[in-house]
Protein backbone atom coordinates (compact mmCIF):
# COMPACT_ATOMS: atom_id res chain seq x y z
CA MET A 1 -17.27 -3.95 0.70
CA ASN A 2 -18.56 -2.54 -2.27
CA TRP A 3 -21.11 -0.05 -0.76
CA LYS A 4 -20.18 3.58 -1.28
CA SER A 5 -20.18 6.43 1.19
CA ARG A 6 -23.20 8.73 0.55
CA TYR A 7 -21.16 12.09 0.03
CA PHE A 8 -17.83 10.93 -1.33
CA GLU A 9 -19.17 7.78 -3.05
CA GLU A 10 -16.01 5.93 -1.77
CA THR A 11 -15.91 2.25 -1.00
CA PRO A 12 -13.75 0.84 1.90
CA LEU A 13 -11.35 -0.22 -0.72
CA PHE A 14 -10.70 3.34 -2.04
CA VAL A 15 -10.27 4.71 1.52
CA ALA A 16 -7.55 1.86 2.24
CA CYS A 17 -5.80 2.74 -1.11
CA GLN A 18 -5.84 6.35 -0.33
CA ASN A 19 -4.28 5.88 3.06
CA GLY A 20 -1.64 3.15 1.88
CA ARG A 21 -3.16 0.31 3.95
CA LEU A 22 -1.66 -2.54 2.09
CA GLU A 23 -2.80 -5.08 4.78
CA ILE A 24 -6.23 -4.10 4.29
CA VAL A 25 -6.42 -4.28 0.82
CA GLU A 26 -4.89 -7.63 0.72
CA TYR A 27 -7.40 -8.95 3.41
CA MET A 28 -10.32 -7.36 1.14
CA LEU A 29 -8.97 -8.92 -1.98
CA ALA A 30 -8.45 -12.26 -0.36
CA SER A 31 -12.03 -12.42 1.49
CA GLN A 32 -14.29 -10.99 -1.04
CA ARG A 33 -15.31 -13.03 -3.97
CA GLU A 34 -15.99 -10.08 -6.22
CA LEU A 35 -14.52 -6.88 -5.18
CA ASN A 36 -15.12 -3.92 -7.29
CA ILE A 37 -11.71 -2.37 -8.03
CA LEU A 38 -12.91 -0.15 -10.79
CA SER A 39 -15.76 1.55 -8.96
CA THR A 40 -15.15 5.30 -9.01
CA ASN A 41 -15.92 8.08 -6.45
CA TYR A 42 -17.79 11.48 -7.12
CA GLN A 43 -14.65 12.68 -8.87
CA GLY A 44 -14.51 9.70 -11.24
CA THR A 45 -11.41 8.35 -9.52
CA SER A 46 -10.91 4.51 -9.08
CA PRO A 47 -9.06 2.91 -6.08
CA LEU A 48 -6.40 1.76 -8.61
CA GLU A 49 -5.98 5.36 -9.80
CA ILE A 50 -5.90 6.82 -6.27
CA ALA A 51 -3.05 4.25 -5.41
CA LYS A 52 -1.20 5.25 -8.36
CA ILE A 53 -1.47 8.87 -7.59
CA ASN A 54 -0.48 8.50 -3.95
CA SER A 55 2.63 6.23 -4.90
CA ALA A 56 3.99 9.43 -6.84
CA PHE A 57 2.79 12.10 -4.40
CA GLU A 58 5.18 14.51 -3.31
CA GLU A 59 4.69 16.90 -0.39
CA THR A 60 7.10 19.05 1.55
CA LEU A 61 7.31 18.01 5.17
CA ASP A 62 9.14 19.79 7.97
CA HIS A 63 10.25 16.74 9.98
CA GLU A 64 12.48 14.01 8.76
CA SER A 65 10.32 11.39 10.69
CA GLU A 66 7.33 12.74 8.63
CA GLY A 67 9.40 12.35 5.38
CA ASN A 68 9.97 8.80 6.33
CA GLU A 69 6.38 8.13 6.95
CA LYS A 70 5.61 9.66 3.45
CA ASP A 71 8.13 7.48 1.97
CA ILE A 72 6.57 4.31 3.51
CA LYS A 73 2.99 5.26 2.55
CA GLN A 74 4.22 5.90 -1.17
CA ALA A 75 5.81 2.50 -1.26
CA LYS A 76 2.64 0.85 0.24
CA CYS A 77 0.79 2.75 -2.28
CA LEU A 78 2.84 1.54 -5.05
CA SER A 79 2.53 -2.03 -3.68
CA ILE A 80 -1.32 -1.66 -3.59
CA HIS A 81 -1.17 -0.32 -7.30
CA LYS A 82 0.70 -3.13 -8.45
CA LEU A 83 -1.53 -5.63 -6.56
CA LEU A 84 -4.61 -4.18 -7.80
CA GLU A 85 -3.20 -4.31 -11.49
CA GLU A 86 -2.56 -8.05 -11.01
CA TYR A 87 -5.99 -8.55 -9.49
CA GLN A 88 -7.58 -6.79 -12.53
CA LEU A 89 -5.81 -9.34 -14.91
CA ASP A 90 -6.30 -12.39 -12.91
CA PRO A 91 -8.52 -11.95 -9.78
CA ASN A 92 -8.70 -15.64 -9.03
CA GLU A 93 -4.86 -16.19 -9.08
CA VAL A 94 -4.31 -13.06 -6.86
CA GLN A 95 -6.98 -14.30 -4.37
CA LYS A 96 -5.47 -17.66 -4.33
CA GLN A 97 -2.01 -16.28 -3.53
CA LEU A 98 -3.23 -13.86 -0.85
CA ARG A 99 -5.34 -16.60 0.90
CA LYS A 100 -2.17 -18.60 1.28
CA LYS A 101 -0.18 -15.62 2.26
CA LEU A 102 -2.83 -14.75 5.04
CA ASN A 103 -3.61 -18.35 5.98
CA PHE A 104 -7.14 -18.18 4.97
CA LYS A 105 -9.18 -21.22 4.52
CA GLU A 106 -12.18 -21.79 2.18
CA THR A 107 -14.42 -21.67 5.18
CA ASN A 108 -13.56 -18.22 5.97
CA LEU A 109 -15.30 -16.84 2.72
């Protein structure tokens, strides 16, 4: 999960953060013993930074339904940013909480 793509130098974690995929970020944090959340892409941006950027990102949309999708993505990116900050401070505690939430057992790791 720490492998980077060749061109963009992004890890799967970066892509999940960029797309507001909270459930994937939670799964990766719970299942991986050492996940590099500070790994940067070719622009020098980390997953933590991209989640923060996307949680504050404003864009003009024509349709109300798309606006709701934007709000949902922003909220998920904000949740991801908070989760990654907590993980950075205490990875073992965050993994423990996520394993419990996702019903993981030690044998899954």
